[in-house]
């Protein structure tokens, strides 16, 4: 049952990011929420019924002030590992000191399960042994134990229109034929979930009673392999799905990628817009071989989640990518 409460003020941390912007728009269009969009950088003054504030989420005192008059918080902060942990610590400390005790919906990740393989439900150990990002997300869930009114959402690969990586860069690499049929190098499970399904899960988690302290996996129930994802996305884009040999892939990852990454970092240091080709990274190939598959039965049963079909999601993604004013440079 979804609560039909009075309009609640929802603070969205990381509101300038891919998921955060989508969430703020959905909240602003609802009849039960008034979103407050918070970001590290200066943001537009308003989005629909939303107000916007600049907030360093790592600052405990600033976080305490931002919580004034807030009923719920959604944590979409998605920067480096240190920022993820520091901002969560500031949030939970401020919430614990608040007399209002706002519900927090924390956007976690499937990577909290680390290198686990096979089908994984929410009771599986949180290993966080995949990389620094996975370790940081596990630490946030550990910190949340000190504040009981938290709901954790653990999405897989969040794709859809405006996704800079899983739609923009993957689509760009496919169109440039730098990515394609990887054969046995991409037989791992691609736990895709459409951004609108993630937003829907957040909306339900904000209003559903009795789920404090619970965690929910978010993914297509029968996700494709990475190679199948690439094949179907290439078809939606109308581009040939070309074979990529192991030798060519290794050249991309270990010869071309390092200088391209240096150029990208250098441009960022000088506050310039990077316009060169984006490097394929070794972590992508590693992920393409990861056999973990999320069990999403709990999200379906408790939150009532239903999922946007992959063909529809890829159609939307391709339409956005092909109609974008500036196609992301592959």
Foldseek 3Di string as FASTA:
>chain_A
DFDPDAAFEEEEEPLVDDLNVVLCQVQLPDRRYEYEYEYCDDDDQADRSYGYDYDQLLDLVRLLVVCVRHQAYEYPDDDDLVSLQSSLLSNQVSLVPDPNNHAYEYEAAPCLLPQDFDEDEPVHHRDLPNDSNSVSSVNSLVSCVVRFRYEYEHEFAEDFFPPCPPQQQLLQCQQVVVAFQADPLQQAFRFYAYSVLVSLLVVLSNGAPDQTPYYFYGGPQRTGTRNVLSVLLCVLLVHDRDYQDPVSNCCQAPPVQPVQVVQCVVCVVVVHDDDAAHGDYPVVSVNSRRHYDYHGVCCCVRSVGDGDDPNVRSNRSSVNQVPPPDRRHD
